[in-house]
PDB file of N, CA and C in Angstrom:
ATOM      1  N   UNK A   1      21.586   1.629   7.354  1.00  0.00           N
ATOM      2  CA  UNK A   1      20.198   2.073   7.312  1.00  0.00           C
ATOM      3  C   UNK A   1      19.757   2.322   8.784  1.00  0.00           C
ATOM      4  N   UNK A   2      19.140   3.422   8.985  1.00  0.00           N
ATOM      5  CA  UNK A   2      18.716   3.833  10.336  1.00  0.00           C
ATOM      6  C   UNK A   2      17.251   3.370  10.565  1.00  0.00           C
ATOM      7  N   UNK A   3      16.979   3.056  11.812  1.00  0.00           N
ATOM      8  CA  UNK A   3      15.625   2.706  12.180  1.00  0.00           C
ATOM      9  C   UNK A   3      14.765   3.921  12.255  1.00  0.00           C
ATOM     10  N   UNK A   4      13.632   3.916  11.593  1.00  0.00           N
ATOM     11  CA  UNK A   4      12.706   4.981  11.632  1.00  0.00           C
ATOM     12  C   UNK A   4      11.642   4.747  12.670  1.00  0.00           C
ATOM     13  N   UNK A   5      11.321   5.782  13.447  1.00  0.00           N
ATOM     14  CA  UNK A   5      10.291   5.636  14.441  1.00  0.00           C
ATOM     15  C   UNK A   5       9.146   6.572  14.044  1.00  0.00           C
ATOM     16  N   UNK A   6       8.012   6.377  14.598  1.00  0.00           N
ATOM     17  CA  UNK A   6       6.836   7.203  14.361  1.00  0.00           C
ATOM     18  C   UNK A   6       6.041   7.361  15.659  1.00  0.00           C
ATOM     19  N   UNK A   7       5.165   8.313  15.663  1.00  0.00           N
ATOM     20  CA  UNK A   7       4.294   8.556  16.822  1.00  0.00           C
ATOM     21  C   UNK A   7       2.880   8.126  16.428  1.00  0.00           C
ATOM     22  N   UNK A   8       2.155   7.512  17.371  1.00  0.00           N
ATOM     23  CA  UNK A   8       0.776   7.156  17.187  1.00  0.00           C
ATOM     24  C   UNK A   8      -0.209   8.304  17.451  1.00  0.00           C
ATOM     25  N   UNK A   9       0.369   9.466  17.786  1.00  0.00           N
ATOM     26  CA  UNK A   9      -0.495  10.608  18.094  1.00  0.00           C
ATOM     27  C   UNK A   9      -1.159  11.235  16.878  1.00  0.00           C
ATOM     28  N   UNK A  10      -0.557  11.189  15.707  1.00  0.00           N
ATOM     29  CA  UNK A  10      -1.111  11.794  14.519  1.00  0.00           C
ATOM     30  C   UNK A  10      -2.024  10.804  13.761  1.00  0.00           C
ATOM     31  N   UNK A  11      -2.603  11.364  12.712  1.00  0.00           N
ATOM     32  CA  UNK A  11      -3.478  10.513  11.875  1.00  0.00           C
ATOM     33  C   UNK A  11      -2.694   9.522  11.078  1.00  0.00           C
ATOM     34  N   UNK A  12      -3.307   8.429  10.758  1.00  0.00           N
ATOM     35  CA  UNK A  12      -2.622   7.351   9.975  1.00  0.00           C
ATOM     36  C   UNK A  12      -3.458   6.126   9.886  1.00  0.00           C
ATOM     37  N   UNK A  13      -2.945   5.141   9.258  1.00  0.00           N
ATOM     38  CA  UNK A  13      -3.619   3.820   9.108  1.00  0.00           C
ATOM     39  C   UNK A  13      -3.560   3.094  10.431  1.00  0.00           C
ATOM     40  N   UNK A  14      -4.584   2.266  10.650  1.00  0.00           N
ATOM     41  CA  UNK A  14      -4.597   1.405  11.862  1.00  0.00           C
ATOM     42  C   UNK A  14      -4.595  -0.027  11.452  1.00  0.00           C
ATOM     43  N   UNK A  15      -3.852  -0.875  12.143  1.00  0.00           N
ATOM     44  CA  UNK A  15      -3.801  -2.325  11.889  1.00  0.00           C
ATOM     45  C   UNK A  15      -4.568  -2.950  13.038  1.00  0.00           C
ATOM     46  N   UNK A  16      -5.624  -3.704  12.674  1.00  0.00           N
ATOM     47  CA  UNK A  16      -6.496  -4.346  13.669  1.00  0.00           C
ATOM     48  C   UNK A  16      -6.448  -5.799  13.515  1.00  0.00           C
ATOM     49  N   UNK A  17      -6.194  -6.544  14.594  1.00  0.00           N
ATOM     50  CA  UNK A  17      -6.137  -8.010  14.593  1.00  0.00           C
ATOM     51  C   UNK A  17      -7.503  -8.531  14.230  1.00  0.00           C
ATOM     52  N   UNK A  18      -7.523  -9.485  13.259  1.00  0.00           N
ATOM     53  CA  UNK A  18      -8.762 -10.006  12.770  1.00  0.00           C
ATOM     54  C   UNK A  18      -8.516 -11.464  12.376  1.00  0.00           C
ATOM     55  N   UNK A  19      -9.071 -12.383  13.189  1.00  0.00           N
ATOM     56  CA  UNK A  19      -8.894 -13.803  12.876  1.00  0.00           C
ATOM     57  C   UNK A  19      -7.439 -14.196  13.001  1.00  0.00           C
ATOM     58  N   UNK A  20      -6.876 -14.782  11.964  1.00  0.00           N
ATOM     59  CA  UNK A  20      -5.438 -15.148  11.947  1.00  0.00           C
ATOM     60  C   UNK A  20      -4.539 -14.080  11.296  1.00  0.00           C
ATOM     61  N   UNK A  21      -5.156 -12.936  10.955  1.00  0.00           N
ATOM     62  CA  UNK A  21      -4.365 -11.900  10.270  1.00  0.00           C
ATOM     63  C   UNK A  21      -4.728 -10.506  10.793  1.00  0.00           C
ATOM     64  N   UNK A  22      -4.677  -9.569   9.852  1.00  0.00           N
ATOM     65  CA  UNK A  22      -4.950  -8.163  10.245  1.00  0.00           C
ATOM     66  C   UNK A  22      -5.848  -7.538   9.176  1.00  0.00           C
ATOM     67  N   UNK A  23      -6.563  -6.531   9.568  1.00  0.00           N
ATOM     68  CA  UNK A  23      -7.208  -5.671   8.608  1.00  0.00           C
ATOM     69  C   UNK A  23      -6.760  -4.284   8.881  1.00  0.00           C
ATOM     70  N   UNK A  24      -6.762  -3.456   7.850  1.00  0.00           N
ATOM     71  CA  UNK A  24      -6.254  -2.095   7.947  1.00  0.00           C
ATOM     72  C   UNK A  24      -7.360  -1.053   7.692  1.00  0.00           C
ATOM     73  N   UNK A  25      -7.394   0.003   8.443  1.00  0.00           N
ATOM     74  CA  UNK A  25      -8.390   1.072   8.258  1.00  0.00           C
ATOM     75  C   UNK A  25      -7.627   2.409   8.025  1.00  0.00           C
ATOM     76  N   UNK A  26      -8.349   3.295   7.326  1.00  0.00           N
ATOM     77  CA  UNK A  26      -7.782   4.643   7.070  1.00  0.00           C
ATOM     78  C   UNK A  26      -8.030   5.556   8.241  1.00  0.00           C
ATOM     79  N   UNK A  27      -7.742   6.874   8.079  1.00  0.00           N
ATOM     80  CA  UNK A  27      -7.870   7.770   9.164  1.00  0.00           C
ATOM     81  C   UNK A  27      -9.300   8.014   9.592  1.00  0.00           C
ATOM     82  N   UNK A  28     -10.288   7.680   8.709  1.00  0.00           N
ATOM     83  CA  UNK A  28     -11.681   7.880   9.019  1.00  0.00           C
ATOM     84  C   UNK A  28     -12.324   6.576   9.508  1.00  0.00           C
ATOM     85  N   UNK A  29     -11.528   5.515   9.636  1.00  0.00           N
ATOM     86  CA  UNK A  29     -12.045   4.198  10.106  1.00  0.00           C
ATOM     87  C   UNK A  29     -12.614   3.344   9.085  1.00  0.00           C
ATOM     88  N   UNK A  30     -12.548   3.747   7.801  1.00  0.00           N
ATOM     89  CA  UNK A  30     -12.988   2.947   6.723  1.00  0.00           C
ATOM     90  C   UNK A  30     -11.987   1.872   6.323  1.00  0.00           C
ATOM     91  N   UNK A  31     -12.409   0.678   5.856  1.00  0.00           N
ATOM     92  CA  UNK A  31     -11.447  -0.333   5.470  1.00  0.00           C
ATOM     93  C   UNK A  31     -10.555   0.166   4.366  1.00  0.00           C
ATOM     94  N   UNK A  32      -9.249  -0.155   4.433  1.00  0.00           N
ATOM     95  CA  UNK A  32      -8.295   0.194   3.395  1.00  0.00           C
ATOM     96  C   UNK A  32      -8.383  -0.844   2.319  1.00  0.00           C
ATOM     97  N   UNK A  33      -8.744  -0.409   1.087  1.00  0.00           N
ATOM     98  CA  UNK A  33      -8.957  -1.323  -0.035  1.00  0.00           C
ATOM     99  C   UNK A  33      -8.020  -1.088  -1.173  1.00  0.00           C
ATOM    100  N   UNK A  34      -7.233  -0.019  -1.155  1.00  0.00           N
ATOM    101  CA  UNK A  34      -6.316   0.307  -2.312  1.00  0.00           C
ATOM    102  C   UNK A  34      -5.209  -0.782  -2.371  1.00  0.00           C
ATOM    103  N   UNK A  35      -5.199  -1.560  -3.453  1.00  0.00           N
ATOM    104  CA  UNK A  35      -4.237  -2.649  -3.582  1.00  0.00           C
ATOM    105  C   UNK A  35      -2.778  -2.219  -3.463  1.00  0.00           C
ATOM    106  N   UNK A  36      -2.473  -1.005  -4.008  1.00  0.00           N
ATOM    107  CA  UNK A  36      -1.101  -0.504  -3.944  1.00  0.00           C
ATOM    108  C   UNK A  36      -0.688  -0.230  -2.494  1.00  0.00           C
ATOM    109  N   UNK A  37      -1.569   0.400  -1.713  1.00  0.00           N
ATOM    110  CA  UNK A  37      -1.222   0.720  -0.381  1.00  0.00           C
ATOM    111  C   UNK A  37      -1.119  -0.595   0.472  1.00  0.00           C
ATOM    112  N   UNK A  38      -2.017  -1.490   0.313  1.00  0.00           N
ATOM    113  CA  UNK A  38      -1.928  -2.718   1.018  1.00  0.00           C
ATOM    114  C   UNK A  38      -0.673  -3.464   0.738  1.00  0.00           C
ATOM    115  N   UNK A  39      -0.240  -3.473  -0.550  1.00  0.00           N
ATOM    116  CA  UNK A  39       1.015  -4.115  -0.920  1.00  0.00           C
ATOM    117  C   UNK A  39       2.182  -3.466  -0.237  1.00  0.00           C
ATOM    118  N   UNK A  40       2.163  -2.114  -0.204  1.00  0.00           N
ATOM    119  CA  UNK A  40       3.233  -1.384   0.434  1.00  0.00           C
ATOM    120  C   UNK A  40       3.326  -1.702   1.959  1.00  0.00           C
ATOM    121  N   UNK A  41       2.151  -1.717   2.563  1.00  0.00           N
ATOM    122  CA  UNK A  41       2.118  -1.995   4.027  1.00  0.00           C
ATOM    123  C   UNK A  41       2.574  -3.407   4.354  1.00  0.00           C
ATOM    124  N   UNK A  42       2.139  -4.336   3.561  1.00  0.00           N
ATOM    125  CA  UNK A  42       2.421  -5.756   3.788  1.00  0.00           C
ATOM    126  C   UNK A  42       3.769  -6.176   3.222  1.00  0.00           C
ATOM    127  N   UNK A  43       4.419  -5.321   2.502  1.00  0.00           N
ATOM    128  CA  UNK A  43       5.703  -5.679   1.845  1.00  0.00           C
ATOM    129  C   UNK A  43       6.814  -6.092   2.812  1.00  0.00           C
ATOM    130  N   UNK A  44       7.864  -6.679   2.268  1.00  0.00           N
ATOM    131  CA  UNK A  44       8.932  -7.223   3.086  1.00  0.00           C
ATOM    132  C   UNK A  44       9.778  -6.164   3.808  1.00  0.00           C
ATOM    133  N   UNK A  45       9.656  -4.883   3.429  1.00  0.00           N
ATOM    134  CA  UNK A  45      10.456  -3.862   4.098  1.00  0.00           C
ATOM    135  C   UNK A  45       9.831  -3.314   5.335  1.00  0.00           C
ATOM    136  N   UNK A  46       8.708  -3.828   5.722  1.00  0.00           N
ATOM    137  CA  UNK A  46       8.087  -3.470   7.043  1.00  0.00           C
ATOM    138  C   UNK A  46       8.303  -4.614   8.025  1.00  0.00           C
ATOM    139  N   UNK A  47       9.160  -4.440   8.946  1.00  0.00           N
ATOM    140  CA  UNK A  47       9.399  -5.480   9.964  1.00  0.00           C
ATOM    141  C   UNK A  47       8.203  -5.774  10.875  1.00  0.00           C
ATOM    142  N   UNK A  48       8.156  -6.921  11.400  1.00  0.00           N
ATOM    143  CA  UNK A  48       7.066  -7.269  12.309  1.00  0.00           C
ATOM    144  C   UNK A  48       7.122  -6.297  13.513  1.00  0.00           C
ATOM    145  N   UNK A  49       5.948  -6.039  14.019  1.00  0.00           N
ATOM    146  CA  UNK A  49       5.874  -5.160  15.173  1.00  0.00           C
ATOM    147  C   UNK A  49       6.490  -5.793  16.398  1.00  0.00           C
ATOM    148  N   UNK A  50       7.284  -5.058  17.135  1.00  0.00           N
ATOM    149  CA  UNK A  50       7.965  -5.632  18.313  1.00  0.00           C
ATOM    150  C   UNK A  50       7.093  -5.409  19.554  1.00  0.00           C
ATOM    151  N   UNK A  51       7.039  -6.302  20.439  1.00  0.00           N
ATOM    152  CA  UNK A  51       6.220  -6.214  21.591  1.00  0.00           C
ATOM    153  C   UNK A  51       6.825  -5.325  22.649  1.00  0.00           C
TER     154      UNK A  51
END
């Protein structure tokens, strides 16, 4: 399996540090509330962000 990379230049979801976790916003800055999308983002197939 190859590592996929992406660019932060285009529209997309944002992950914002909040307390001991994160909150996610959509392209318009509104909180992401769709349970399916949140499960996909938080799923085990998304590795932790590397510093």
